[in-house]
Amino acid sequence: YFETVDGKTFFYTENGTFETAARLYQLEEKLAGTSFARISKSTIANLKKLRCIRAEKYSRLIATLVNRERLMVSRQYMDEIRHKLGV
């Protein structure tokens, strides 16, 4: 997945964490038509690596990836996520 933290963009893979100069919106444009989708203002995730999305306390949505990493999901992106997942 890709994440912006303190103005820096990082991507996380099986082999480690890397920083990129690209902005999240640029990555989102490049990844259009792939299994990647914006899940929050600061995160783009590979939906092929998604284990589940669950509601938690205080109406929060949490995505769990296959590696057990947990990411916050914004409700405003759920329609796109559902569309890409075909549900």
PDB file of N, CA and C in Angstrom:
ATOM      1  N   TYR A   1       0.837  -1.182   0.000  1.00  0.00           N
ATOM      2  CA  TYR A   1       0.000   0.000   0.000  1.00  0.00           C
ATOM      3  C   TYR A   1       0.876   1.239   0.000  1.00  0.00           C
ATOM      4  N   PHE A   2       0.268   2.366  -0.303  1.00  0.00           N
ATOM      5  CA  PHE A   2       0.938   3.661  -0.319  1.00  0.00           C
ATOM      6  C   PHE A   2       0.315   4.520   0.772  1.00  0.00           C
ATOM      7  N   GLU A   3       1.138   5.314   1.437  1.00  0.00           N
ATOM      8  CA  GLU A   3       0.640   6.138   2.525  1.00  0.00           C
ATOM      9  C   GLU A   3       1.421   7.446   2.602  1.00  0.00           C
ATOM     10  N   THR A   4       0.713   8.530   2.867  1.00  0.00           N
ATOM     11  CA  THR A   4       1.363   9.815   3.082  1.00  0.00           C
ATOM     12  C   THR A   4       1.378  10.097   4.577  1.00  0.00           C
ATOM     13  N   VAL A   5       2.576  10.394   5.094  1.00  0.00           N
ATOM     14  CA  VAL A   5       2.762  10.710   6.512  1.00  0.00           C
ATOM     15  C   VAL A   5       3.655  11.946   6.598  1.00  0.00           C
ATOM     16  N   ASP A   6       3.162  12.973   7.249  1.00  0.00           N
ATOM     17  CA  ASP A   6       3.932  14.209   7.421  1.00  0.00           C
ATOM     18  C   ASP A   6       4.480  14.757   6.104  1.00  0.00           C
ATOM     19  N   GLY A   7       3.651  14.714   5.059  1.00  0.00           N
ATOM     20  CA  GLY A   7       4.032  15.270   3.769  1.00  0.00           C
ATOM     21  C   GLY A   7       4.950  14.392   2.931  1.00  0.00           C
ATOM     22  N   LYS A   8       5.282  13.209   3.419  1.00  0.00           N
ATOM     23  CA  LYS A   8       6.129  12.277   2.667  1.00  0.00           C
ATOM     24  C   LYS A   8       5.296  11.067   2.283  1.00  0.00           C
ATOM     25  N   THR A   9       5.576  10.520   1.086  1.00  0.00           N
ATOM     26  CA  THR A   9       4.836   9.368   0.606  1.00  0.00           C
ATOM     27  C   THR A   9       5.715   8.130   0.676  1.00  0.00           C
ATOM     28  N   PHE A  10       5.154   7.082   1.259  1.00  0.00           N
ATOM     29  CA  PHE A  10       5.866   5.815   1.420  1.00  0.00           C
ATOM     30  C   PHE A  10       5.069   4.711   0.753  1.00  0.00           C
ATOM     31  N   PHE A  11       5.775   3.678   0.292  1.00  0.00           N
ATOM     32  CA  PHE A  11       5.068   2.487  -0.142  1.00  0.00           C
ATOM     33  C   PHE A  11       5.660   1.285   0.574  1.00  0.00           C
ATOM     34  N   TYR A  12       4.765   0.361   0.876  1.00  0.00           N
ATOM     35  CA  TYR A  12       5.093  -0.792   1.694  1.00  0.00           C
ATOM     36  C   TYR A  12       4.930  -2.050   0.851  1.00  0.00           C
ATOM     37  N   THR A  13       5.947  -2.888   0.850  1.00  0.00           N
ATOM     38  CA  THR A  13       5.925  -4.128   0.093  1.00  0.00           C
ATOM     39  C   THR A  13       6.322  -5.280   1.015  1.00  0.00           C
ATOM     40  N   GLU A  14       6.327  -6.476   0.467  1.00  0.00           N
ATOM     41  CA  GLU A  14       6.786  -7.636   1.235  1.00  0.00           C
ATOM     42  C   GLU A  14       8.255  -7.492   1.609  1.00  0.00           C
ATOM     43  N   ASN A  15       8.987  -6.705   0.828  1.00  0.00           N
ATOM     44  CA  ASN A  15      10.432  -6.587   1.023  1.00  0.00           C
ATOM     45  C   ASN A  15      10.864  -5.361   1.814  1.00  0.00           C
ATOM     46  N   GLY A  16       9.924  -4.516   2.218  1.00  0.00           N
ATOM     47  CA  GLY A  16      10.321  -3.363   3.003  1.00  0.00           C
ATOM     48  C   GLY A  16       9.483  -2.132   2.755  1.00  0.00           C
ATOM     49  N   THR A  17       9.934  -1.032   3.331  1.00  0.00           N
ATOM     50  CA  THR A  17       9.275   0.265   3.220  1.00  0.00           C
ATOM     51  C   THR A  17      10.180   1.197   2.432  1.00  0.00           C
ATOM     52  N   PHE A  18       9.580   1.917   1.489  1.00  0.00           N
ATOM     53  CA  PHE A  18      10.345   2.794   0.610  1.00  0.00           C
ATOM     54  C   PHE A  18       9.663   4.145   0.515  1.00  0.00           C
ATOM     55  N   GLU A  19      10.444   5.183   0.309  1.00  0.00           N
ATOM     56  CA  GLU A  19       9.900   6.525   0.127  1.00  0.00           C
ATOM     57  C   GLU A  19       9.910   6.865  -1.356  1.00  0.00           C
ATOM     58  N   THR A  20       8.898   7.596  -1.787  1.00  0.00           N
ATOM     59  CA  THR A  20       8.807   8.035  -3.172  1.00  0.00           C
ATOM     60  C   THR A  20       8.540   9.536  -3.211  1.00  0.00           C
ATOM     61  N   ALA A  21       8.992  10.180  -4.266  1.00  0.00           N
ATOM     62  CA  ALA A  21       8.755  11.615  -4.433  1.00  0.00           C
ATOM     63  C   ALA A  21       7.353  11.883  -4.978  1.00  0.00           C
ATOM     64  N   ALA A  22       6.685  10.852  -5.482  1.00  0.00           N
ATOM     65  CA  ALA A  22       5.354  11.018  -6.073  1.00  0.00           C
ATOM     66  C   ALA A  22       4.328  11.375  -5.003  1.00  0.00           C
ATOM     67  N   ARG A  23       3.351  12.158  -5.395  1.00  0.00           N
ATOM     68  CA  ARG A  23       2.236  12.500  -4.525  1.00  0.00           C
ATOM     69  C   ARG A  23       1.178  11.410  -4.649  1.00  0.00           C
ATOM     70  N   LEU A  24       0.341  11.293  -3.633  1.00  0.00           N
ATOM     71  CA  LEU A  24      -0.674  10.255  -3.635  1.00  0.00           C
ATOM     72  C   LEU A  24      -1.628  10.381  -4.821  1.00  0.00           C
ATOM     73  N   TYR A  25      -2.028  11.605  -5.164  1.00  0.00           N
ATOM     74  CA  TYR A  25      -2.946  11.776  -6.293  1.00  0.00           C
ATOM     75  C   TYR A  25      -2.288  11.343  -7.610  1.00  0.00           C
ATOM     76  N   GLN A  26      -0.965  11.529  -7.739  1.00  0.00           N
ATOM     77  CA  GLN A  26      -0.255  11.089  -8.936  1.00  0.00           C
ATOM     78  C   GLN A  26      -0.236   9.563  -9.010  1.00  0.00           C
ATOM     79  N   LEU A  27       0.000   8.936  -7.884  1.00  0.00           N
ATOM     80  CA  LEU A  27      -0.010   7.475  -7.835  1.00  0.00           C
ATOM     81  C   LEU A  27      -1.398   6.941  -8.144  1.00  0.00           C
ATOM     82  N   GLU A  28      -2.404   7.603  -7.619  1.00  0.00           N
ATOM     83  CA  GLU A  28      -3.782   7.182  -7.873  1.00  0.00           C
ATOM     84  C   GLU A  28      -4.092   7.223  -9.367  1.00  0.00           C
ATOM     85  N   GLU A  29      -3.636   8.262 -10.061  1.00  0.00           N
ATOM     86  CA  GLU A  29      -3.839   8.363 -11.509  1.00  0.00           C
ATOM     87  C   GLU A  29      -3.106   7.249 -12.246  1.00  0.00           C
ATOM     88  N   LYS A  30      -1.853   6.989 -11.861  1.00  0.00           N
ATOM     89  CA  LYS A  30      -1.064   5.942 -12.514  1.00  0.00           C
ATOM     90  C   LYS A  30      -1.627   4.552 -12.267  1.00  0.00           C
ATOM     91  N   LEU A  31      -2.262   4.360 -11.113  1.00  0.00           N
ATOM     92  CA  LEU A  31      -2.779   3.040 -10.738  1.00  0.00           C
ATOM     93  C   LEU A  31      -4.237   2.831 -11.140  1.00  0.00           C
ATOM     94  N   ALA A  32      -4.825   3.810 -11.840  1.00  0.00           N
ATOM     95  CA  ALA A  32      -6.211   3.669 -12.298  1.00  0.00           C
ATOM     96  C   ALA A  32      -6.328   2.419 -13.168  1.00  0.00           C
ATOM     97  N   GLY A  33      -7.398   1.672 -12.970  1.00  0.00           N
ATOM     98  CA  GLY A  33      -7.608   0.459 -13.753  1.00  0.00           C
ATOM     99  C   GLY A  33      -6.888  -0.757 -13.188  1.00  0.00           C
ATOM    100  N   THR A  34      -6.252  -0.613 -12.038  1.00  0.00           N
ATOM    101  CA  THR A  34      -5.577  -1.739 -11.390  1.00  0.00           C
ATOM    102  C   THR A  34      -6.355  -2.123 -10.130  1.00  0.00           C
ATOM    103  N   SER A  35      -5.805  -3.024  -9.358  1.00  0.00           N
ATOM    104  CA  SER A  35      -6.462  -3.460  -8.123  1.00  0.00           C
ATOM    105  C   SER A  35      -6.213  -2.495  -6.965  1.00  0.00           C
ATOM    106  N   PHE A  36      -5.512  -1.396  -7.210  1.00  0.00           N
ATOM    107  CA  PHE A  36      -5.270  -0.410  -6.164  1.00  0.00           C
ATOM    108  C   PHE A  36      -6.430   0.572  -6.104  1.00  0.00           C
ATOM    109  N   ALA A  37      -6.792   0.975  -4.868  1.00  0.00           N
ATOM    110  CA  ALA A  37      -7.876   1.940  -4.683  1.00  0.00           C
ATOM    111  C   ALA A  37      -7.578   2.816  -3.479  1.00  0.00           C
ATOM    112  N   ARG A  38      -8.040   4.051  -3.556  1.00  0.00           N
ATOM    113  CA  ARG A  38      -7.915   4.969  -2.431  1.00  0.00           C
ATOM    114  C   ARG A  38      -8.849   4.462  -1.339  1.00  0.00           C
ATOM    115  N   ILE A  39      -8.339   4.316  -0.120  1.00  0.00           N
ATOM    116  CA  ILE A  39      -9.184   3.878   0.986  1.00  0.00           C
ATOM    117  C   ILE A  39      -9.332   4.966   2.053  1.00  0.00           C
ATOM    118  N   SER A  40      -8.492   5.996   1.958  1.00  0.00           N
ATOM    119  CA  SER A  40      -8.599   7.143   2.859  1.00  0.00           C
ATOM    120  C   SER A  40      -7.854   8.302   2.226  1.00  0.00           C
ATOM    121  N   LYS A  41      -7.939   9.445   2.857  1.00  0.00           N
ATOM    122  CA  LYS A  41      -7.271  10.637   2.331  1.00  0.00           C
ATOM    123  C   LYS A  41      -5.770  10.418   2.199  1.00  0.00           C
ATOM    124  N   SER A  42      -5.204   9.574   3.049  1.00  0.00           N
ATOM    125  CA  SER A  42      -3.752   9.395   3.072  1.00  0.00           C
ATOM    126  C   SER A  42      -3.276   8.011   2.640  1.00  0.00           C
ATOM    127  N   THR A  43      -4.179   7.147   2.147  1.00  0.00           N
ATOM    128  CA  THR A  43      -3.775   5.769   1.853  1.00  0.00           C
ATOM    129  C   THR A  43      -4.407   5.231   0.574  1.00  0.00           C
ATOM    130  N   ILE A  44      -3.587   4.534  -0.210  1.00  0.00           N
ATOM    131  CA  ILE A  44      -4.031   3.750  -1.359  1.00  0.00           C
ATOM    132  C   ILE A  44      -3.612   2.316  -1.066  1.00  0.00           C
ATOM    133  N   ALA A  45      -4.533   1.374  -1.209  1.00  0.00           N
ATOM    134  CA  ALA A  45      -4.220  -0.024  -0.893  1.00  0.00           C
ATOM    135  C   ALA A  45      -4.467  -0.926  -2.092  1.00  0.00           C
ATOM    136  N   ASN A  46      -3.734  -2.036  -2.120  1.00  0.00           N
ATOM    137  CA  ASN A  46      -3.929  -3.062  -3.136  1.00  0.00           C
ATOM    138  C   ASN A  46      -5.062  -3.956  -2.654  1.00  0.00           C
ATOM    139  N   LEU A  47      -6.205  -3.906  -3.323  1.00  0.00           N
ATOM    140  CA  LEU A  47      -7.362  -4.668  -2.892  1.00  0.00           C
ATOM    141  C   LEU A  47      -7.167  -6.168  -3.035  1.00  0.00           C
ATOM    142  N   LYS A  48      -6.201  -6.593  -3.834  1.00  0.00           N
ATOM    143  CA  LYS A  48      -5.885  -8.024  -3.932  1.00  0.00           C
ATOM    144  C   LYS A  48      -5.242  -8.538  -2.650  1.00  0.00           C
ATOM    145  N   LYS A  49      -4.713  -7.636  -1.849  1.00  0.00           N
ATOM    146  CA  LYS A  49      -4.070  -8.010  -0.584  1.00  0.00           C
ATOM    147  C   LYS A  49      -4.984  -7.752   0.615  1.00  0.00           C
ATOM    148  N   LEU A  50      -6.244  -7.472   0.344  1.00  0.00           N
ATOM    149  CA  LEU A  50      -7.217  -7.157   1.385  1.00  0.00           C
ATOM    150  C   LEU A  50      -7.830  -8.442   1.928  1.00  0.00           C
ATOM    151  N   ARG A  51      -7.774  -8.595   3.233  1.00  0.00           N
ATOM    152  CA  ARG A  51      -8.395  -9.751   3.880  1.00  0.00           C
ATOM    153  C   ARG A  51      -9.859  -9.440   4.207  1.00  0.00           C
ATOM    154  N   CYS A  52     -10.091  -8.267   4.828  1.00  0.00           N
ATOM    155  CA  CYS A  52     -11.459  -7.882   5.168  1.00  0.00           C
ATOM    156  C   CYS A  52     -11.515  -6.401   5.538  1.00  0.00           C
ATOM    157  N   ILE A  53     -12.740  -5.860   5.539  1.00  0.00           N
ATOM    158  CA  ILE A  53     -13.004  -4.519   6.059  1.00  0.00           C
ATOM    159  C   ILE A  53     -14.108  -4.699   7.091  1.00  0.00           C
ATOM    160  N   ARG A  54     -13.853  -4.215   8.294  1.00  0.00           N
ATOM    161  CA  ARG A  54     -14.823  -4.379   9.379  1.00  0.00           C
ATOM    162  C   ARG A  54     -15.103  -3.050  10.064  1.00  0.00           C
ATOM    163  N   ALA A  55     -16.320  -2.951  10.550  1.00  0.00           N
ATOM    164  CA  ALA A  55     -16.687  -1.799  11.368  1.00  0.00           C
ATOM    165  C   ALA A  55     -16.189  -2.050  12.780  1.00  0.00           C
ATOM    166  N   GLU A  56     -15.645  -1.018  13.386  1.00  0.00           N
ATOM    167  CA  GLU A  56     -15.178  -1.118  14.761  1.00  0.00           C
ATOM    168  C   GLU A  56     -15.836  -0.037  15.595  1.00  0.00           C
ATOM    169  N   LYS A  57     -15.399   0.142  16.804  1.00  0.00           N
ATOM    170  CA  LYS A  57     -15.975   1.152  17.694  1.00  0.00           C
ATOM    171  C   LYS A  57     -15.984   2.529  17.049  1.00  0.00           C
ATOM    172  N   TYR A  58     -16.969   3.311  17.446  1.00  0.00           N
ATOM    173  CA  TYR A  58     -17.076   4.705  17.023  1.00  0.00           C
ATOM    174  C   TYR A  58     -17.236   4.850  15.510  1.00  0.00           C
ATOM    175  N   SER A  59     -17.880   3.866  14.879  1.00  0.00           N
ATOM    176  CA  SER A  59     -18.174   3.885  13.439  1.00  0.00           C
ATOM    177  C   SER A  59     -16.926   3.913  12.568  1.00  0.00           C
ATOM    178  N   ARG A  60     -15.816   3.452  13.084  1.00  0.00           N
ATOM    179  CA  ARG A  60     -14.586   3.393  12.286  1.00  0.00           C
ATOM    180  C   ARG A  60     -14.583   2.131  11.432  1.00  0.00           C
ATOM    181  N   LEU A  61     -14.013   2.239  10.242  1.00  0.00           N
ATOM    182  CA  LEU A  61     -13.826   1.079   9.374  1.00  0.00           C
ATOM    183  C   LEU A  61     -12.339   0.765   9.326  1.00  0.00           C
ATOM    184  N   ILE A  62     -12.001  -0.511   9.483  1.00  0.00           N
ATOM    185  CA  ILE A  62     -10.613  -0.951   9.478  1.00  0.00           C
ATOM    186  C   ILE A  62     -10.448  -2.028   8.416  1.00  0.00           C
ATOM    187  N   ALA A  63      -9.482  -1.825   7.525  1.00  0.00           N
ATOM    188  CA  ALA A  63      -9.133  -2.844   6.528  1.00  0.00           C
ATOM    189  C   ALA A  63      -7.969  -3.652   7.096  1.00  0.00           C
ATOM    190  N   THR A  64      -8.081  -4.961   6.997  1.00  0.00           N
ATOM    191  CA  THR A  64      -6.985  -5.837   7.403  1.00  0.00           C
ATOM    192  C   THR A  64      -6.423  -6.463   6.134  1.00  0.00           C
ATOM    193  N   LEU A  65      -5.134  -6.328   5.936  1.00  0.00           N
ATOM    194  CA  LEU A  65      -4.469  -6.906   4.775  1.00  0.00           C
ATOM    195  C   LEU A  65      -4.059  -8.342   5.083  1.00  0.00           C
ATOM    196  N   VAL A  66      -3.642  -9.084   4.072  1.00  0.00           N
ATOM    197  CA  VAL A  66      -3.260 -10.482   4.265  1.00  0.00           C
ATOM    198  C   VAL A  66      -2.067 -10.638   5.205  1.00  0.00           C
ATOM    199  N   ASN A  67      -1.250  -9.601   5.336  1.00  0.00           N
ATOM    200  CA  ASN A  67      -0.111  -9.658   6.252  1.00  0.00           C
ATOM    201  C   ASN A  67      -0.495  -9.183   7.662  1.00  0.00           C
ATOM    202  N   ARG A  68      -1.807  -9.003   7.894  1.00  0.00           N
ATOM    203  CA  ARG A  68      -2.389  -8.575   9.173  1.00  0.00           C
ATOM    204  C   ARG A  68      -2.193  -7.090   9.490  1.00  0.00           C
ATOM    205  N   GLU A  69      -1.651  -6.323   8.556  1.00  0.00           N
ATOM    206  CA  GLU A  69      -1.553  -4.866   8.701  1.00  0.00           C
ATOM    207  C   GLU A  69      -2.969  -4.311   8.730  1.00  0.00           C
ATOM    208  N   ARG A  70      -3.238  -3.362   9.612  1.00  0.00           N
ATOM    209  CA  ARG A  70      -4.565  -2.761   9.742  1.00  0.00           C
ATOM    210  C   ARG A  70      -4.503  -1.301   9.301  1.00  0.00           C
ATOM    211  N   LEU A  71      -5.434  -0.917   8.414  1.00  0.00           N
ATOM    212  CA  LEU A  71      -5.472   0.433   7.858  1.00  0.00           C
ATOM    213  C   LEU A  71      -6.857   1.028   8.047  1.00  0.00           C
ATOM    214  N   MET A  72      -6.891   2.322   8.341  1.00  0.00           N
ATOM    215  CA  MET A  72      -8.172   3.027   8.455  1.00  0.00           C
ATOM    216  C   MET A  72      -8.794   3.193   7.068  1.00  0.00           C
ATOM    217  N   VAL A  73     -10.108   3.032   6.995  1.00  0.00           N
ATOM    218  CA  VAL A  73     -10.849   3.214   5.748  1.00  0.00           C
ATOM    219  C   VAL A  73     -11.845   4.344   5.954  1.00  0.00           C
ATOM    220  N   SER A  74     -11.861   5.305   5.037  1.00  0.00           N
ATOM    221  CA  SER A  74     -12.837   6.396   5.087  1.00  0.00           C
ATOM    222  C   SER A  74     -14.109   5.960   4.384  1.00  0.00           C
ATOM    223  N   ARG A  75     -15.240   6.248   5.005  1.00  0.00           N
ATOM    224  CA  ARG A  75     -16.529   5.860   4.411  1.00  0.00           C
ATOM    225  C   ARG A  75     -16.735   6.477   3.028  1.00  0.00           C
ATOM    226  N   GLN A  76     -16.154   7.655   2.790  1.00  0.00           N
ATOM    227  CA  GLN A  76     -16.359   8.315   1.494  1.00  0.00           C
ATOM    228  C   GLN A  76     -15.760   7.521   0.336  1.00  0.00           C
ATOM    229  N   TYR A  77     -14.858   6.577   0.606  1.00  0.00           N
ATOM    230  CA  TYR A  77     -14.247   5.779  -0.458  1.00  0.00           C
ATOM    231  C   TYR A  77     -14.874   4.389  -0.594  1.00  0.00           C
ATOM    232  N   MET A  78     -15.857   4.066   0.240  1.00  0.00           N
ATOM    233  CA  MET A  78     -16.440   2.725   0.215  1.00  0.00           C
ATOM    234  C   MET A  78     -17.115   2.390  -1.105  1.00  0.00           C
ATOM    235  N   ASP A  79     -17.764   3.346  -1.761  1.00  0.00           N
ATOM    236  CA  ASP A  79     -18.415   3.049  -3.043  1.00  0.00           C
ATOM    237  C   ASP A  79     -17.392   2.592  -4.076  1.00  0.00           C
ATOM    238  N   GLU A  80     -16.259   3.272  -4.163  1.00  0.00           N
ATOM    239  CA  GLU A  80     -15.222   2.879  -5.114  1.00  0.00           C
ATOM    240  C   GLU A  80     -14.643   1.510  -4.752  1.00  0.00           C
ATOM    241  N   ILE A  81     -14.446   1.278  -3.472  1.00  0.00           N
ATOM    242  CA  ILE A  81     -13.913  -0.015  -3.025  1.00  0.00           C
ATOM    243  C   ILE A  81     -14.889  -1.127  -3.390  1.00  0.00           C
ATOM    244  N   ARG A  82     -16.165  -0.926  -3.098  1.00  0.00           N
ATOM    245  CA  ARG A  82     -17.189  -1.943  -3.439  1.00  0.00           C
ATOM    246  C   ARG A  82     -17.206  -2.197  -4.951  1.00  0.00           C
ATOM    247  N   HIS A  83     -17.148  -1.120  -5.716  1.00  0.00           N
ATOM    248  CA  HIS A  83     -17.169  -1.246  -7.182  1.00  0.00           C
ATOM    249  C   HIS A  83     -15.982  -2.085  -7.658  1.00  0.00           C
ATOM    250  N   LYS A  84     -14.795  -1.782  -7.173  1.00  0.00           N
ATOM    251  CA  LYS A  84     -13.603  -2.520  -7.599  1.00  0.00           C
ATOM    252  C   LYS A  84     -13.630  -3.967  -7.141  1.00  0.00           C
ATOM    253  N   LEU A  85     -14.264  -4.224  -5.988  1.00  0.00           N
ATOM    254  CA  LEU A  85     -14.373  -5.592  -5.475  1.00  0.00           C
ATOM    255  C   LEU A  85     -15.540  -6.349  -6.103  1.00  0.00           C
ATOM    256  N   GLY A  86     -16.428  -5.622  -6.792  1.00  0.00           N
ATOM    257  CA  GLY A  86     -17.569  -6.267  -7.436  1.00  0.00           C
ATOM    258  C   GLY A  86     -18.664  -6.669  -6.470  1.00  0.00           C
ATOM    259  N   VAL A  87     -18.807  -5.915  -5.379  1.00  0.00           N
ATOM    260  CA  VAL A  87     -19.876  -6.217  -4.400  1.00  0.00           C
ATOM    261  C   VAL A  87     -20.838  -5.070  -4.275  1.00  0.00           C
TER     262      VAL A  87
END
